[in-house]
């Protein structure tokens, strides 16, 4: 069955695998131990920072390791529906057949020497697999907010001869910056005082929901992952 599976590994994936291979047996053992204590997070920066510290590698290498190897390969194993031994066998065959000669000459033997040690990194529901699933649930959502603010403006109402101000109109505009793919766009929404009260009430309600689900998650003994800071 696995002989029929062909895996094309992109350049960033080969770079991630090289980062894993470069850890060597001792580094992979440290990675196993670090993974046991990693707190699940949706922040790739926080995750790579912790691994950088635990493994004594630079942030760029830690990022390649996580984003180029550990997370996507766990995703691939799940997508293929393979158990860990079958998946690693399939991956090893792909590295022998599908990678550039220069990469094979430098890394293939070292990969084979590590292959039996890295199994726990690709077991079901390991830290990196759960982190990848959690992250995918957010990155697949449309139009994430980039920034927002409320502009308050005073607009004068002039006399007919424009010689004096007869009234001032207070206007609010909600400015929302959001991402559409790789493009940042901005939308301007006019608001009145009732809208502001409604918005404030909705924010308070959302914060209360967060507190409620946080308490429930603690009682259930599961991790609650959020974007941004709690509180």
N, C-alpha and C. Protein backbone atom coordinates (compact mmCIF):
# COMPACT_ATOMS: atom_id res chain seq x y z
N UNK A 1 0.84 -1.21 0.00
CA UNK A 1 0.00 0.00 0.00
C UNK A 1 0.87 1.25 0.00
N UNK A 2 1.84 1.29 0.92
CA UNK A 2 2.66 2.49 1.01
C UNK A 2 3.56 2.66 -0.20
N UNK A 3 3.82 1.57 -0.95
CA UNK A 3 4.66 1.69 -2.15
C UNK A 3 3.99 2.55 -3.22
N UNK A 4 2.67 2.65 -3.15
CA UNK A 4 1.93 3.43 -4.15
C UNK A 4 1.87 4.92 -3.81
N UNK A 5 2.32 5.28 -2.63
CA UNK A 5 2.24 6.67 -2.19
C UNK A 5 3.49 7.43 -2.62
N UNK A 6 3.28 8.53 -3.30
CA UNK A 6 4.40 9.38 -3.74
C UNK A 6 4.32 10.71 -2.98
N UNK A 7 5.42 11.11 -2.38
CA UNK A 7 5.46 12.35 -1.61
C UNK A 7 6.48 13.29 -2.25
N UNK A 8 6.01 14.45 -2.66
CA UNK A 8 6.88 15.49 -3.17
C UNK A 8 7.15 16.48 -2.03
N UNK A 9 8.40 16.59 -1.62
CA UNK A 9 8.75 17.44 -0.49
C UNK A 9 9.29 18.77 -1.01
N UNK A 10 8.64 19.89 -0.69
CA UNK A 10 9.11 21.19 -1.18
C UNK A 10 10.41 21.59 -0.48
N UNK A 11 11.02 22.65 -0.99
CA UNK A 11 12.31 23.09 -0.45
C UNK A 11 12.23 23.44 1.03
N UNK A 12 11.13 24.10 1.45
CA UNK A 12 11.05 24.47 2.87
C UNK A 12 10.91 23.22 3.74
N UNK A 13 10.31 22.15 3.18
CA UNK A 13 10.21 20.90 3.90
C UNK A 13 11.56 20.22 4.05
N UNK A 14 12.37 20.27 3.00
CA UNK A 14 13.72 19.70 3.07
C UNK A 14 14.57 20.48 4.07
N UNK A 15 14.37 21.80 4.12
CA UNK A 15 15.11 22.61 5.09
C UNK A 15 14.69 22.25 6.51
N UNK A 16 13.38 22.00 6.71
CA UNK A 16 12.91 21.60 8.03
C UNK A 16 13.44 20.24 8.44
N UNK A 17 13.48 19.31 7.49
CA UNK A 17 14.03 17.99 7.78
C UNK A 17 15.52 18.06 8.10
N UNK A 18 16.23 18.91 7.38
CA UNK A 18 17.65 19.08 7.67
C UNK A 18 17.85 19.63 9.08
N UNK A 19 16.99 20.57 9.49
CA UNK A 19 17.08 21.10 10.85
C UNK A 19 16.86 19.99 11.88
N UNK A 20 15.94 19.08 11.58
CA UNK A 20 15.70 17.93 12.47
C UNK A 20 16.91 17.00 12.48
N UNK A 21 17.43 16.71 11.32
CA UNK A 21 18.59 15.81 11.21
C UNK A 21 19.80 16.39 11.92
N UNK A 22 19.99 17.70 11.78
CA UNK A 22 21.16 18.36 12.37
C UNK A 22 21.14 18.31 13.90
N UNK A 23 19.97 18.05 14.49
CA UNK A 23 19.92 17.93 15.94
C UNK A 23 20.75 16.74 16.42
N UNK A 24 20.81 15.69 15.60
CA UNK A 24 21.54 14.50 16.00
C UNK A 24 20.81 13.73 17.09
N UNK A 25 21.31 12.57 17.47
CA UNK A 25 20.62 11.73 18.48
C UNK A 25 20.40 12.46 19.80
N UNK A 26 21.39 13.17 20.27
CA UNK A 26 21.25 13.87 21.55
C UNK A 26 20.20 14.97 21.46
N UNK A 27 20.23 15.73 20.36
CA UNK A 27 19.27 16.81 20.19
C UNK A 27 17.85 16.29 20.03
N UNK A 28 17.68 15.17 19.33
CA UNK A 28 16.34 14.59 19.17
C UNK A 28 15.82 14.12 20.52
N UNK A 29 16.68 13.55 21.35
CA UNK A 29 16.28 13.14 22.70
C UNK A 29 15.82 14.36 23.51
N UNK A 30 16.54 15.46 23.39
CA UNK A 30 16.15 16.69 24.09
C UNK A 30 14.81 17.21 23.54
N UNK A 31 14.61 17.06 22.24
CA UNK A 31 13.35 17.49 21.63
C UNK A 31 12.19 16.67 22.17
N UNK A 32 12.39 15.36 22.31
CA UNK A 32 11.35 14.50 22.91
C UNK A 32 10.95 15.03 24.28
N UNK A 33 11.93 15.31 25.11
CA UNK A 33 11.65 15.76 26.47
C UNK A 33 11.00 17.13 26.47
N UNK A 34 11.49 18.01 25.59
CA UNK A 34 10.90 19.36 25.51
C UNK A 34 9.44 19.29 25.08
N UNK A 35 9.13 18.39 24.14
CA UNK A 35 7.77 18.29 23.62
C UNK A 35 6.78 17.85 24.70
N UNK A 36 7.26 17.06 25.66
CA UNK A 36 6.37 16.59 26.74
C UNK A 36 5.88 17.75 27.60
N UNK A 37 6.72 18.77 27.74
CA UNK A 37 6.39 19.88 28.64
C UNK A 37 5.93 21.13 27.91
N UNK A 38 5.87 21.08 26.57
CA UNK A 38 5.45 22.26 25.82
C UNK A 38 3.99 22.59 26.11
N UNK A 39 3.74 23.84 26.37
CA UNK A 39 2.36 24.31 26.53
C UNK A 39 1.81 24.63 25.15
N UNK A 40 0.66 24.07 24.82
CA UNK A 40 0.06 24.33 23.52
C UNK A 40 -0.21 25.81 23.35
N UNK A 41 0.08 26.32 22.17
CA UNK A 41 -0.11 27.73 21.88
C UNK A 41 -0.42 27.91 20.41
N UNK A 42 -1.13 28.99 20.10
CA UNK A 42 -1.40 29.33 18.70
C UNK A 42 -0.35 30.30 18.17
N UNK A 43 0.58 30.69 19.00
CA UNK A 43 1.63 31.61 18.58
C UNK A 43 2.86 30.82 18.14
N UNK A 44 3.12 30.82 16.83
CA UNK A 44 4.30 30.13 16.34
C UNK A 44 5.58 30.76 16.90
N UNK A 45 5.53 32.05 17.13
CA UNK A 45 6.70 32.74 17.67
C UNK A 45 7.02 32.23 19.07
N UNK A 46 5.99 32.08 19.91
CA UNK A 46 6.21 31.58 21.26
C UNK A 46 6.71 30.14 21.23
N UNK A 47 6.13 29.33 20.36
CA UNK A 47 6.51 27.93 20.27
C UNK A 47 7.97 27.79 19.83
N UNK A 48 8.35 28.52 18.79
CA UNK A 48 9.73 28.41 18.31
C UNK A 48 10.71 29.01 19.31
N UNK A 49 10.29 30.04 20.04
CA UNK A 49 11.17 30.62 21.05
C UNK A 49 11.48 29.60 22.16
N UNK A 50 10.45 28.89 22.58
CA UNK A 50 10.68 27.88 23.63
C UNK A 50 11.59 26.77 23.15
N UNK A 51 11.36 26.30 21.93
CA UNK A 51 12.22 25.24 21.40
C UNK A 51 13.64 25.74 21.19
N UNK A 52 13.77 26.98 20.75
CA UNK A 52 15.09 27.56 20.58
C UNK A 52 15.88 27.53 21.88
N UNK A 53 15.19 27.87 22.96
CA UNK A 53 15.84 27.87 24.28
C UNK A 53 16.15 26.46 24.75
N UNK A 54 15.17 25.54 24.62
CA UNK A 54 15.34 24.18 25.11
C UNK A 54 16.42 23.43 24.35
N UNK A 55 16.51 23.67 23.04
CA UNK A 55 17.43 22.91 22.19
C UNK A 55 18.74 23.64 21.93
N UNK A 56 18.82 24.89 22.42
CA UNK A 56 20.01 25.71 22.21
C UNK A 56 20.31 25.88 20.72
N UNK A 57 19.28 26.26 19.98
CA UNK A 57 19.43 26.56 18.56
C UNK A 57 18.84 27.94 18.31
N UNK A 58 19.18 28.56 17.19
CA UNK A 58 18.67 29.91 16.93
C UNK A 58 17.20 29.84 16.50
N UNK A 59 16.53 30.99 16.58
CA UNK A 59 15.11 31.07 16.29
C UNK A 59 14.78 30.66 14.85
N UNK A 60 15.63 31.03 13.92
CA UNK A 60 15.38 30.70 12.52
C UNK A 60 15.40 29.19 12.32
N UNK A 61 16.36 28.51 12.94
CA UNK A 61 16.43 27.06 12.83
C UNK A 61 15.24 26.40 13.50
N UNK A 62 14.85 26.92 14.67
CA UNK A 62 13.69 26.39 15.38
C UNK A 62 12.42 26.56 14.54
N UNK A 63 12.32 27.69 13.86
CA UNK A 63 11.16 27.94 13.00
C UNK A 63 11.13 26.95 11.83
N UNK A 64 12.27 26.72 11.20
CA UNK A 64 12.34 25.74 10.11
C UNK A 64 11.94 24.35 10.61
N UNK A 65 12.40 24.01 11.81
CA UNK A 65 12.11 22.71 12.39
C UNK A 65 10.61 22.51 12.58
N UNK A 66 9.95 23.53 13.14
CA UNK A 66 8.52 23.42 13.44
C UNK A 66 7.67 23.55 12.18
N UNK A 67 7.89 24.64 11.44
CA UNK A 67 7.02 24.96 10.30
C UNK A 67 7.36 24.14 9.06
N UNK A 68 8.62 23.71 8.95
CA UNK A 68 9.03 22.96 7.77
C UNK A 68 8.97 21.46 7.93
N UNK A 69 8.97 20.96 9.19
CA UNK A 69 9.02 19.51 9.39
C UNK A 69 7.95 19.00 10.36
N UNK A 70 8.03 19.40 11.62
CA UNK A 70 7.21 18.76 12.64
C UNK A 70 5.72 18.94 12.42
N UNK A 71 5.28 20.15 12.12
CA UNK A 71 3.84 20.37 11.93
C UNK A 71 3.33 19.84 10.59
N UNK A 72 3.96 20.18 9.46
CA UNK A 72 3.42 19.68 8.19
C UNK A 72 3.52 18.17 8.03
N UNK A 73 4.57 17.55 8.57
CA UNK A 73 4.69 16.10 8.44
C UNK A 73 3.67 15.38 9.31
N UNK A 74 3.36 15.93 10.47
CA UNK A 74 2.27 15.36 11.26
C UNK A 74 0.95 15.49 10.53
N UNK A 75 0.75 16.63 9.89
CA UNK A 75 -0.46 16.83 9.09
C UNK A 75 -0.52 15.81 7.94
N UNK A 76 0.62 15.56 7.31
CA UNK A 76 0.67 14.62 6.20
C UNK A 76 0.35 13.20 6.67
N UNK A 77 0.90 12.82 7.83
CA UNK A 77 0.62 11.47 8.34
C UNK A 77 -0.88 11.28 8.56
N UNK A 78 -1.52 12.29 9.16
CA UNK A 78 -2.96 12.21 9.39
C UNK A 78 -3.72 12.14 8.07
N UNK A 79 -3.32 12.96 7.11
CA UNK A 79 -4.00 13.00 5.81
C UNK A 79 -3.89 11.67 5.07
N UNK A 80 -2.73 11.02 5.20
CA UNK A 80 -2.52 9.73 4.54
C UNK A 80 -3.16 8.58 5.30
N UNK A 81 -3.52 8.81 6.55
CA UNK A 81 -4.15 7.76 7.35
C UNK A 81 -3.20 6.63 7.70
N UNK A 82 -1.92 6.96 7.90
CA UNK A 82 -0.91 5.95 8.19
C UNK A 82 -0.54 5.93 9.66
N UNK A 83 -0.22 4.74 10.16
CA UNK A 83 0.37 4.63 11.48
C UNK A 83 1.80 5.14 11.40
N UNK A 84 2.38 5.47 12.54
CA UNK A 84 3.70 6.09 12.56
C UNK A 84 4.77 5.26 11.85
N UNK A 85 4.91 3.97 12.11
CA UNK A 85 5.96 3.19 11.41
C UNK A 85 5.79 3.21 9.89
N UNK A 86 4.54 3.06 9.43
CA UNK A 86 4.28 3.08 7.99
C UNK A 86 4.62 4.45 7.40
N UNK A 87 4.26 5.48 8.13
CA UNK A 87 4.52 6.82 7.64
C UNK A 87 6.02 7.08 7.52
N UNK A 88 6.78 6.73 8.53
CA UNK A 88 8.23 6.97 8.49
C UNK A 88 8.89 6.14 7.40
N UNK A 89 8.38 4.94 7.15
CA UNK A 89 8.90 4.13 6.05
C UNK A 89 8.61 4.80 4.71
N UNK A 90 7.40 5.29 4.57
CA UNK A 90 7.01 5.99 3.33
C UNK A 90 7.84 7.25 3.13
N UNK A 91 8.05 7.99 4.21
CA UNK A 91 8.84 9.22 4.13
C UNK A 91 10.28 8.90 3.75
N UNK A 92 10.84 7.85 4.34
CA UNK A 92 12.22 7.47 4.03
C UNK A 92 12.37 7.11 2.56
N UNK A 93 11.40 6.39 2.02
CA UNK A 93 11.44 6.04 0.59
C UNK A 93 11.36 7.29 -0.28
N UNK A 94 10.53 8.24 0.14
CA UNK A 94 10.40 9.49 -0.62
C UNK A 94 11.72 10.25 -0.61
N UNK A 95 12.38 10.26 0.53
CA UNK A 95 13.66 10.97 0.62
C UNK A 95 14.72 10.31 -0.27
N UNK A 96 14.63 9.01 -0.45
CA UNK A 96 15.57 8.30 -1.31
C UNK A 96 15.29 8.56 -2.79
N UNK A 97 14.00 8.70 -3.13
CA UNK A 97 13.63 8.77 -4.54
C UNK A 97 13.41 10.18 -5.06
N UNK A 98 12.90 11.07 -4.20
CA UNK A 98 12.37 12.33 -4.68
C UNK A 98 13.23 13.55 -4.36
N UNK A 99 14.28 13.39 -3.59
CA UNK A 99 15.06 14.56 -3.18
C UNK A 99 16.25 14.78 -4.11
N UNK A 100 16.75 16.01 -4.20
CA UNK A 100 17.93 16.28 -5.02
C UNK A 100 19.14 15.47 -4.55
N UNK A 101 20.00 15.15 -5.47
CA UNK A 101 21.16 14.31 -5.14
C UNK A 101 22.03 14.95 -4.06
N UNK A 102 22.23 16.25 -4.16
CA UNK A 102 23.08 16.93 -3.17
C UNK A 102 22.49 16.79 -1.76
N UNK A 103 21.16 16.90 -1.66
CA UNK A 103 20.51 16.76 -0.35
C UNK A 103 20.68 15.34 0.17
N UNK A 104 20.48 14.35 -0.73
CA UNK A 104 20.62 12.95 -0.31
C UNK A 104 22.04 12.67 0.16
N UNK A 105 23.02 13.16 -0.57
CA UNK A 105 24.41 12.88 -0.21
C UNK A 105 24.75 13.44 1.17
N UNK A 106 24.19 14.58 1.50
CA UNK A 106 24.52 15.22 2.77
C UNK A 106 23.70 14.69 3.93
N UNK A 107 22.43 14.29 3.65
CA UNK A 107 21.51 14.07 4.77
C UNK A 107 20.90 12.68 4.89
N UNK A 108 20.86 11.90 3.83
CA UNK A 108 20.08 10.67 3.85
C UNK A 108 20.59 9.66 4.87
N UNK A 109 21.90 9.43 4.90
CA UNK A 109 22.44 8.47 5.88
C UNK A 109 22.18 8.92 7.30
N UNK A 110 22.28 10.21 7.53
CA UNK A 110 22.03 10.73 8.89
C UNK A 110 20.55 10.58 9.25
N UNK A 111 19.67 10.76 8.24
CA UNK A 111 18.25 10.55 8.48
C UNK A 111 17.98 9.09 8.88
N UNK A 112 18.54 8.16 8.14
CA UNK A 112 18.32 6.75 8.44
C UNK A 112 18.81 6.40 9.85
N UNK A 113 19.90 7.02 10.26
CA UNK A 113 20.43 6.76 11.60
C UNK A 113 19.49 7.27 12.69
N UNK A 114 18.68 8.30 12.35
CA UNK A 114 17.77 8.89 13.34
C UNK A 114 16.36 8.34 13.25
N UNK A 115 16.04 7.65 12.16
CA UNK A 115 14.65 7.31 11.86
C UNK A 115 13.95 6.59 13.01
N UNK A 116 14.65 5.69 13.69
CA UNK A 116 14.01 4.94 14.78
C UNK A 116 13.81 5.80 16.03
N UNK A 117 14.53 6.90 16.14
CA UNK A 117 14.46 7.73 17.33
C UNK A 117 13.36 8.79 17.27
N UNK A 118 12.90 9.10 16.05
CA UNK A 118 11.97 10.22 15.92
C UNK A 118 10.50 9.81 15.94
N UNK A 119 10.24 8.50 16.09
CA UNK A 119 8.86 8.01 16.08
C UNK A 119 7.92 8.77 16.99
N UNK A 120 8.30 9.05 18.26
CA UNK A 120 7.38 9.76 19.16
C UNK A 120 6.96 11.13 18.66
N UNK A 121 7.77 11.75 17.79
CA UNK A 121 7.42 13.07 17.27
C UNK A 121 6.27 13.01 16.27
N UNK A 122 5.93 11.79 15.83
CA UNK A 122 4.88 11.62 14.82
C UNK A 122 3.81 10.63 15.27
N UNK A 123 3.75 10.38 16.58
CA UNK A 123 2.69 9.53 17.11
C UNK A 123 1.36 10.30 17.08
N UNK A 124 0.26 9.55 17.20
CA UNK A 124 -1.06 10.17 17.21
C UNK A 124 -1.18 11.19 18.35
N UNK A 125 -1.76 12.32 18.02
CA UNK A 125 -2.09 13.35 19.01
C UNK A 125 -0.88 13.84 19.80
N UNK A 126 0.30 13.82 19.17
CA UNK A 126 1.46 14.41 19.85
C UNK A 126 1.32 15.94 19.83
N UNK A 127 2.17 16.60 20.58
CA UNK A 127 2.07 18.05 20.75
C UNK A 127 2.03 18.80 19.43
N UNK A 128 2.89 18.42 18.49
CA UNK A 128 2.99 19.16 17.23
C UNK A 128 1.81 18.86 16.31
N UNK A 129 1.25 17.66 16.41
CA UNK A 129 0.07 17.33 15.62
C UNK A 129 -1.13 18.13 16.11
N UNK A 130 -1.32 18.20 17.42
CA UNK A 130 -2.45 18.96 17.97
C UNK A 130 -2.27 20.45 17.69
N UNK A 131 -1.02 20.94 17.82
CA UNK A 131 -0.75 22.35 17.53
C UNK A 131 -1.07 22.67 16.08
N UNK A 132 -0.71 21.76 15.17
CA UNK A 132 -0.97 22.00 13.76
C UNK A 132 -2.47 22.04 13.48
N UNK A 133 -3.22 21.09 14.04
CA UNK A 133 -4.68 21.09 13.85
C UNK A 133 -5.30 22.37 14.39
N UNK A 134 -4.85 22.78 15.57
CA UNK A 134 -5.39 23.99 16.18
C UNK A 134 -5.09 25.21 15.33
N UNK A 135 -3.87 25.31 14.85
CA UNK A 135 -3.46 26.45 14.04
C UNK A 135 -4.25 26.49 12.73
N UNK A 136 -4.45 25.32 12.11
CA UNK A 136 -5.18 25.27 10.85
C UNK A 136 -6.62 25.73 11.01
N UNK A 137 -7.21 25.50 12.19
CA UNK A 137 -8.58 25.94 12.42
C UNK A 137 -8.70 27.45 12.36
N UNK A 138 -7.61 28.16 12.64
CA UNK A 138 -7.65 29.62 12.61
C UNK A 138 -7.17 30.20 11.29
N UNK A 139 -6.10 29.64 10.72
CA UNK A 139 -5.59 30.22 9.48
C UNK A 139 -6.54 30.00 8.31
N UNK A 140 -7.43 29.01 8.43
CA UNK A 140 -8.38 28.76 7.36
C UNK A 140 -9.62 29.65 7.45
N UNK A 141 -9.70 30.49 8.49
CA UNK A 141 -10.83 31.39 8.61
C UNK A 141 -10.61 32.63 7.73
N UNK A 142 -11.69 33.17 7.16
CA UNK A 142 -11.51 34.29 6.22
C UNK A 142 -11.31 35.63 6.93
N UNK A 143 -10.57 36.49 6.28
CA UNK A 143 -10.48 37.92 6.63
C UNK A 143 -10.16 38.18 8.11
N UNK A 144 -9.02 37.73 8.60
CA UNK A 144 -8.66 38.04 10.00
C UNK A 144 -8.43 39.54 10.19
N UNK A 145 -8.84 40.05 11.35
CA UNK A 145 -8.67 41.47 11.65
C UNK A 145 -7.20 41.79 11.87
N UNK A 146 -6.73 42.84 11.24
CA UNK A 146 -5.34 43.28 11.42
C UNK A 146 -5.25 44.39 12.47
N UNK A 147 -6.19 45.30 12.44
CA UNK A 147 -6.23 46.38 13.43
C UNK A 147 -7.62 47.03 13.37
N UNK A 148 -7.95 47.75 14.43
CA UNK A 148 -9.22 48.49 14.42
C UNK A 148 -9.13 49.68 15.37
N UNK A 149 -9.94 50.69 15.07
CA UNK A 149 -10.02 51.87 15.93
C UNK A 149 -11.33 52.59 15.66
N UNK A 150 -11.71 53.44 16.60
CA UNK A 150 -12.93 54.24 16.45
C UNK A 150 -12.52 55.70 16.38
N UNK A 151 -12.88 56.36 15.30
CA UNK A 151 -12.59 57.78 15.12
C UNK A 151 -13.80 58.60 15.58
N UNK A 152 -13.57 59.59 16.41
CA UNK A 152 -14.62 60.53 16.83
C UNK A 152 -14.32 61.89 16.21
N UNK A 153 -15.31 62.44 15.52
CA UNK A 153 -15.11 63.70 14.79
C UNK A 153 -16.21 64.70 15.15
N UNK A 154 -15.83 65.94 15.23
CA UNK A 154 -16.80 67.03 15.36
C UNK A 154 -16.94 67.71 14.01
N UNK A 155 -18.16 67.73 13.51
CA UNK A 155 -18.41 68.35 12.21
C UNK A 155 -19.27 69.60 12.41
N UNK A 156 -18.74 70.76 12.05
CA UNK A 156 -19.48 72.01 12.28
C UNK A 156 -20.64 72.19 11.29
N UNK A 157 -21.72 72.77 11.81
CA UNK A 157 -22.85 73.18 10.97
C UNK A 157 -22.80 74.71 10.91
N UNK A 158 -22.57 75.28 9.74
CA UNK A 158 -22.35 76.73 9.60
C UNK A 158 -23.67 77.46 9.31
N UNK A 159 -23.65 78.72 9.60
CA UNK A 159 -24.76 79.60 9.23
C UNK A 159 -24.82 79.72 7.72
N UNK A 160 -25.90 80.27 7.24
CA UNK A 160 -26.08 80.36 5.79
C UNK A 160 -24.98 81.17 5.12
N UNK A 161 -24.50 82.19 5.83
CA UNK A 161 -23.43 83.00 5.24
C UNK A 161 -22.04 82.48 5.61
N UNK A 162 -22.00 81.29 6.32
CA UNK A 162 -20.75 80.64 6.72
C UNK A 162 -19.91 81.49 7.65
N UNK A 163 -20.53 82.49 8.29
CA UNK A 163 -19.78 83.40 9.16
C UNK A 163 -19.72 82.89 10.60
N UNK A 164 -20.57 81.91 10.95
CA UNK A 164 -20.57 81.41 12.32
C UNK A 164 -20.96 79.94 12.34
N UNK A 165 -20.63 79.30 13.46
CA UNK A 165 -20.98 77.89 13.65
C UNK A 165 -22.27 77.83 14.47
N UNK A 166 -23.27 77.18 13.94
CA UNK A 166 -24.56 77.08 14.60
C UNK A 166 -24.73 75.80 15.42
N UNK A 167 -23.99 74.74 15.05
CA UNK A 167 -24.09 73.48 15.77
C UNK A 167 -22.86 72.63 15.46
N UNK A 168 -22.65 71.66 16.30
CA UNK A 168 -21.59 70.69 16.07
C UNK A 168 -22.20 69.29 16.07
N UNK A 169 -21.86 68.51 15.08
CA UNK A 169 -22.34 67.13 14.98
C UNK A 169 -21.20 66.19 15.37
N UNK A 170 -21.46 65.33 16.37
CA UNK A 170 -20.46 64.35 16.79
C UNK A 170 -20.68 63.07 16.00
N UNK A 171 -19.67 62.63 15.29
CA UNK A 171 -19.78 61.43 14.45
C UNK A 171 -18.68 60.45 14.83
N UNK A 172 -19.04 59.17 14.81
CA UNK A 172 -18.05 58.11 15.06
C UNK A 172 -17.94 57.20 13.85
N UNK A 173 -16.72 56.78 13.59
CA UNK A 173 -16.46 55.87 12.49
C UNK A 173 -15.61 54.70 12.99
N UNK A 174 -16.09 53.50 12.78
CA UNK A 174 -15.32 52.31 13.11
C UNK A 174 -14.45 51.97 11.91
N UNK A 175 -13.13 51.94 12.12
CA UNK A 175 -12.18 51.65 11.04
C UNK A 175 -11.59 50.27 11.31
N UNK A 176 -11.83 49.34 10.41
CA UNK A 176 -11.37 47.96 10.58
C UNK A 176 -10.40 47.61 9.45
N UNK A 177 -9.18 47.29 9.82
CA UNK A 177 -8.22 46.76 8.86
C UNK A 177 -8.25 45.24 8.92
N UNK A 178 -8.30 44.59 7.77
CA UNK A 178 -8.37 43.13 7.74
C UNK A 178 -7.55 42.61 6.57
N UNK A 179 -7.21 41.32 6.65
CA UNK A 179 -6.41 40.69 5.61
C UNK A 179 -7.30 39.88 4.69
N UNK A 180 -7.16 40.12 3.42
CA UNK A 180 -7.82 39.31 2.39
C UNK A 180 -6.73 38.59 1.62
N UNK A 181 -6.44 37.37 2.04
CA UNK A 181 -5.25 36.69 1.52
C UNK A 181 -4.02 37.39 2.06
N UNK A 182 -3.16 37.83 1.16
CA UNK A 182 -1.95 38.55 1.56
C UNK A 182 -2.12 40.06 1.46
N UNK A 183 -3.34 40.52 1.14
CA UNK A 183 -3.59 41.94 0.92
C UNK A 183 -4.34 42.51 2.12
N UNK A 184 -3.84 43.62 2.65
CA UNK A 184 -4.55 44.29 3.74
C UNK A 184 -5.55 45.28 3.17
N UNK A 185 -6.78 45.18 3.65
CA UNK A 185 -7.83 46.09 3.21
C UNK A 185 -8.43 46.80 4.43
N UNK A 186 -9.11 47.92 4.19
CA UNK A 186 -9.71 48.70 5.27
C UNK A 186 -11.15 49.03 4.93
N UNK A 187 -12.02 48.88 5.92
CA UNK A 187 -13.42 49.23 5.74
C UNK A 187 -13.79 50.27 6.81
N UNK A 188 -14.61 51.26 6.41
CA UNK A 188 -15.03 52.35 7.30
C UNK A 188 -16.54 52.21 7.54
N UNK A 189 -16.93 52.13 8.81
CA UNK A 189 -18.33 51.93 9.17
C UNK A 189 -18.80 53.09 10.06
N UNK A 190 -19.84 53.79 9.63
CA UNK A 190 -20.40 54.89 10.43
C UNK A 190 -21.17 54.34 11.61
N UNK A 191 -21.00 54.98 12.78
CA UNK A 191 -21.66 54.52 13.99
C UNK A 191 -22.31 55.70 14.70
N UNK A 192 -23.39 55.41 15.46
CA UNK A 192 -23.95 56.43 16.33
C UNK A 192 -23.76 55.98 17.78
N UNK A 193 -24.26 56.76 18.74
CA UNK A 193 -24.04 56.44 20.14
C UNK A 193 -24.69 55.11 20.54
N UNK A 194 -25.83 54.80 19.95
CA UNK A 194 -26.47 53.51 20.22
C UNK A 194 -25.58 52.36 19.75
N UNK A 195 -24.95 52.54 18.59
CA UNK A 195 -24.04 51.52 18.08
C UNK A 195 -22.87 51.30 19.03
N UNK A 196 -22.35 52.42 19.58
CA UNK A 196 -21.23 52.30 20.52
C UNK A 196 -21.64 51.52 21.76
N UNK A 197 -22.85 51.79 22.27
CA UNK A 197 -23.32 51.06 23.45
C UNK A 197 -23.50 49.58 23.12
N UNK A 198 -24.04 49.31 21.94
CA UNK A 198 -24.21 47.91 21.53
C UNK A 198 -22.87 47.20 21.41
N UNK A 199 -21.90 47.90 20.81
CA UNK A 199 -20.57 47.32 20.65
C UNK A 199 -19.93 47.04 22.00
N UNK A 200 -20.03 47.99 22.92
CA UNK A 200 -19.46 47.81 24.26
C UNK A 200 -20.11 46.62 24.96
N UNK A 201 -21.44 46.49 24.82
CA UNK A 201 -22.14 45.38 25.45
C UNK A 201 -21.71 44.05 24.85
N UNK A 202 -21.51 44.02 23.53
CA UNK A 202 -21.08 42.78 22.88
C UNK A 202 -19.66 42.40 23.29
N UNK A 203 -18.79 43.39 23.46
CA UNK A 203 -17.43 43.12 23.92
C UNK A 203 -17.46 42.54 25.33
N UNK A 204 -18.26 43.15 26.21
CA UNK A 204 -18.37 42.64 27.58
C UNK A 204 -18.92 41.21 27.58
N UNK A 205 -19.90 40.94 26.73
CA UNK A 205 -20.49 39.61 26.65
C UNK A 205 -19.46 38.58 26.14
N UNK A 206 -18.68 38.97 25.14
CA UNK A 206 -17.65 38.07 24.60
C UNK A 206 -16.60 37.76 25.65
N UNK A 207 -16.20 38.78 26.44
CA UNK A 207 -15.22 38.55 27.51
C UNK A 207 -15.77 37.61 28.56
N UNK A 208 -17.06 37.75 28.87
CA UNK A 208 -17.69 36.86 29.85
C UNK A 208 -17.72 35.42 29.32
N UNK A 209 -18.02 35.27 28.03
CA UNK A 209 -17.99 33.94 27.42
C UNK A 209 -16.60 33.33 27.52
N UNK A 210 -15.57 34.15 27.28
CA UNK A 210 -14.20 33.66 27.37
C UNK A 210 -13.89 33.15 28.78
N UNK A 211 -14.33 33.91 29.78
CA UNK A 211 -14.10 33.50 31.16
C UNK A 211 -14.84 32.20 31.47
N UNK A 212 -16.05 32.07 30.93
CA UNK A 212 -16.85 30.87 31.20
C UNK A 212 -16.21 29.64 30.56
N UNK A 213 -15.80 29.77 29.31
CA UNK A 213 -15.22 28.60 28.64
C UNK A 213 -13.84 28.28 29.20
N UNK A 214 -13.12 29.31 29.68
CA UNK A 214 -11.83 29.07 30.32
C UNK A 214 -12.00 28.24 31.59
N UNK A 215 -13.01 28.58 32.37
CA UNK A 215 -13.28 27.83 33.60
C UNK A 215 -13.71 26.40 33.26
N UNK A 216 -14.54 26.25 32.22
CA UNK A 216 -15.00 24.92 31.83
C UNK A 216 -13.83 24.07 31.32
N UNK A 217 -12.96 24.67 30.52
CA UNK A 217 -11.81 23.94 29.99
C UNK A 217 -10.92 23.45 31.12
N UNK A 218 -10.75 24.29 32.14
CA UNK A 218 -9.95 23.90 33.30
C UNK A 218 -10.57 22.70 34.01
N UNK A 219 -11.90 22.70 34.15
CA UNK A 219 -12.59 21.59 34.79
C UNK A 219 -12.51 20.32 33.97
N UNK A 220 -12.52 20.48 32.63
CA UNK A 220 -12.45 19.31 31.75
C UNK A 220 -11.02 18.80 31.59
N UNK A 221 -10.05 19.60 32.00
CA UNK A 221 -8.66 19.19 31.89
C UNK A 221 -8.11 19.25 30.47
N UNK A 222 -8.61 20.20 29.67
CA UNK A 222 -8.11 20.37 28.30
C UNK A 222 -7.53 21.76 28.14
N UNK A 223 -6.64 21.90 27.18
CA UNK A 223 -6.01 23.20 26.94
C UNK A 223 -6.98 24.13 26.21
N UNK A 224 -7.00 25.37 26.62
CA UNK A 224 -7.77 26.41 25.93
C UNK A 224 -6.78 27.30 25.17
N UNK A 225 -6.88 27.30 23.85
CA UNK A 225 -5.97 28.07 23.02
C UNK A 225 -6.66 29.31 22.50
N UNK A 226 -6.00 30.44 22.64
CA UNK A 226 -6.56 31.70 22.17
C UNK A 226 -5.50 32.47 21.40
N UNK A 227 -5.96 33.35 20.53
CA UNK A 227 -5.07 34.30 19.89
C UNK A 227 -5.08 35.59 20.69
N UNK A 228 -3.92 36.19 20.82
CA UNK A 228 -3.83 37.40 21.62
C UNK A 228 -3.73 37.06 23.09
N UNK A 229 -3.65 38.08 23.91
CA UNK A 229 -3.48 37.90 25.34
C UNK A 229 -4.81 37.69 26.05
N UNK A 230 -4.83 36.79 27.02
CA UNK A 230 -6.02 36.61 27.84
C UNK A 230 -6.19 37.82 28.76
N UNK A 231 -7.44 38.07 29.18
CA UNK A 231 -7.67 39.14 30.12
C UNK A 231 -8.40 40.31 29.52
